[in-house]
Every structure is written in C-alpha cells, then in structure tokens.
C-alpha cells in the first residue's frame, strides 16, 4: 500500500510536501509516543495520532515510519510541517477518528505493528 492508497481510504489530505508513492507496510494508532517507540520497529508504518507537536515527527523519524496521519481534522503547525519536509516525512490529515481510520486500513489489509 502507498500513502496515496491511505489518502484515498481515509479521505485524507496530504499536508506540505511529501511523496504519495511512499510505501506503507503497517499502521499504528497511538497517542503515547513512548508506546510508538516500543511498538513501531522500522516497519515503514503510518502513525495515526491526535498529537500535532514536533515530537510526533521526531519519534516517527526515529522508528523509520513512512508517514504521520493526524486524526479528527487536526493540522500541525508550520514548524512541524517544515521539519517533516526536511526529514522526507509525509504528513496527512483526516476527519476520521483513530478508531475509524484503523478499521478502514485493517479492512484494506494493512496490518498493525508488532509489539511484545
């Protein structure tokens, strides 16, 4: 699946620059960034979150996530968008809740992240 596929599935919008052909292999819906560090292990995942601060992009980069999608129509500030562009990270926003987005991606065959 690609970011373009996720965008279509979640009726999302790409924020800033970003390659819609970026491959996404898994999804992780999480607002506790320490859990993201534990669960997403270099899997080209998309992080589904309600958090819009800089740390979402920093943590996503640390785990080699493919993209970050903000839920419920939330949009990050310009500083977050700039950082994502510098890091080559794709940002999206959708009006869906984390629950709805997770269900939709699961129905399309995208699995969740592995964890212990």
Protein backbone atom coordinates (compact mmCIF):
# COMPACT_ATOMS: atom_id res chain seq x y z
CA UNK A 1 0.00 0.00 0.00
CA UNK A 2 1.19 3.55 -0.66
CA UNK A 3 0.48 6.89 1.01
CA UNK A 4 -1.79 7.63 -1.97
CA UNK A 5 -3.81 4.50 -1.14
CA UNK A 6 -4.04 5.55 2.52
CA UNK A 7 -5.06 9.05 1.47
CA UNK A 8 -7.91 7.67 -0.63
CA UNK A 9 -9.01 5.17 2.02
CA UNK A 10 -9.14 7.77 4.79
CA UNK A 11 -10.42 10.62 2.60
CA UNK A 12 -7.31 12.43 3.81
CA UNK A 13 -5.29 15.40 2.63
CA UNK A 14 -1.51 15.47 2.27
CA UNK A 15 -0.03 18.38 4.22
CA UNK A 16 3.06 20.06 2.81
CA UNK A 17 5.47 18.25 0.53
CA UNK A 18 5.55 14.51 0.54
CA UNK A 19 5.76 11.63 -1.90
CA UNK A 20 2.35 9.96 -2.29
CA UNK A 21 4.10 6.86 -3.66
CA UNK A 22 5.86 6.23 -0.33
CA UNK A 23 5.23 2.63 0.71
CA UNK A 24 3.32 1.91 3.92
CA UNK A 25 3.58 -1.61 5.37
CA UNK A 26 1.79 -1.29 8.73
CA UNK A 27 -0.31 1.09 10.81
CA UNK A 28 -0.01 2.21 14.42
CA UNK A 29 -2.76 4.25 16.13
CA UNK A 30 -1.19 5.76 19.21
CA UNK A 31 -1.02 8.99 21.20
CA UNK A 32 1.55 7.83 23.73
CA UNK A 33 4.85 8.35 21.92
CA UNK A 34 6.77 6.06 24.26
CA UNK A 35 4.50 3.25 23.02
CA UNK A 36 5.30 4.20 19.42
CA UNK A 37 8.99 3.78 20.25
CA UNK A 38 8.25 0.33 21.66
CA UNK A 39 5.79 -0.90 19.02
CA UNK A 40 6.95 0.51 15.70
CA UNK A 41 10.23 -1.11 14.81
CA UNK A 42 11.43 0.12 11.45
CA UNK A 43 8.41 -1.19 9.61
CA UNK A 44 7.54 1.71 7.25
CA UNK A 45 4.40 2.24 9.30
CA UNK A 46 1.94 5.09 9.25
CA UNK A 47 1.39 6.65 12.66
CA UNK A 48 -2.25 7.61 13.30
CA UNK A 49 -2.34 10.21 16.07
CA UNK A 50 -4.16 13.16 17.62
CA UNK A 51 -0.88 14.78 18.66
CA UNK A 52 0.29 17.64 16.44
CA UNK A 53 3.54 18.75 18.07
CA UNK A 54 7.12 18.40 16.80
CA UNK A 55 7.74 15.22 18.76
CA UNK A 56 5.37 13.25 16.53
CA UNK A 57 7.67 13.80 13.56
CA UNK A 58 10.82 13.26 15.63
CA UNK A 59 9.54 9.94 17.01
CA UNK A 60 8.24 8.87 13.60
CA UNK A 61 11.69 9.51 12.17
CA UNK A 62 13.34 7.51 14.97
CA UNK A 63 11.27 4.44 14.10
CA UNK A 64 11.60 4.96 10.34
CA UNK A 65 7.85 5.46 9.90
CA UNK A 66 6.65 6.22 6.40
CA UNK A 67 4.09 8.85 7.37
CA UNK A 68 2.08 10.52 10.11
CA UNK A 69 -1.67 11.00 9.79
CA UNK A 70 -3.45 13.42 12.12
CA UNK A 71 -6.96 12.44 13.19
CA UNK A 72 -10.20 14.43 13.52
CA UNK A 73 -9.08 17.12 11.07
CA UNK A 74 -6.17 18.24 13.23
CA UNK A 75 -3.33 20.07 11.50
CA UNK A 76 0.21 20.57 12.75
CA UNK A 77 1.87 23.96 12.88
CA UNK A 78 4.23 25.29 10.24
CA UNK A 79 7.25 24.25 12.33
CA UNK A 80 6.10 20.63 12.26
CA UNK A 81 5.43 20.76 8.52
CA UNK A 82 8.90 22.22 7.87
CA UNK A 83 10.58 19.53 10.00
CA UNK A 84 8.66 16.77 8.20
CA UNK A 85 9.69 18.19 4.83
CA UNK A 86 13.34 18.31 5.96
CA UNK A 87 13.12 14.66 7.05
CA UNK A 88 11.21 13.48 3.96
CA UNK A 89 8.24 12.51 6.13
CA UNK A 90 4.75 12.52 4.63
CA UNK A 91 2.05 14.21 6.73
CA UNK A 92 -1.69 13.74 6.24
CA UNK A 93 -4.87 14.81 7.98
CA UNK A 94 -8.26 13.10 8.01
CA UNK A 95 -11.58 13.89 9.64
CA UNK A 96 -11.85 10.28 10.82
CA UNK A 97 -11.22 9.19 14.38
CA UNK A 98 -8.34 6.82 15.17
CA UNK A 99 -10.86 4.02 15.58
CA UNK A 100 -12.46 4.64 12.18
CA UNK A 101 -9.12 5.04 10.39
CA UNK A 102 -7.67 1.90 11.98
CA UNK A 103 -10.73 -0.12 10.98
CA UNK A 104 -10.65 1.17 7.42
CA UNK A 105 -6.95 0.37 6.98
CA UNK A 106 -7.41 -3.06 8.56
CA UNK A 107 -10.28 -3.83 6.16
CA UNK A 108 -7.94 -2.99 3.29
CA UNK A 109 -5.36 -5.47 4.55
CA UNK A 110 -2.88 -3.20 6.32
CA UNK A 111 -1.76 -4.94 9.50
CA UNK A 112 -0.92 -3.38 12.82
CA UNK A 113 2.56 -3.04 14.25
CA UNK A 114 4.24 -5.87 16.07
CA UNK A 115 4.78 -5.49 19.79
CA UNK A 116 5.88 -7.60 22.73
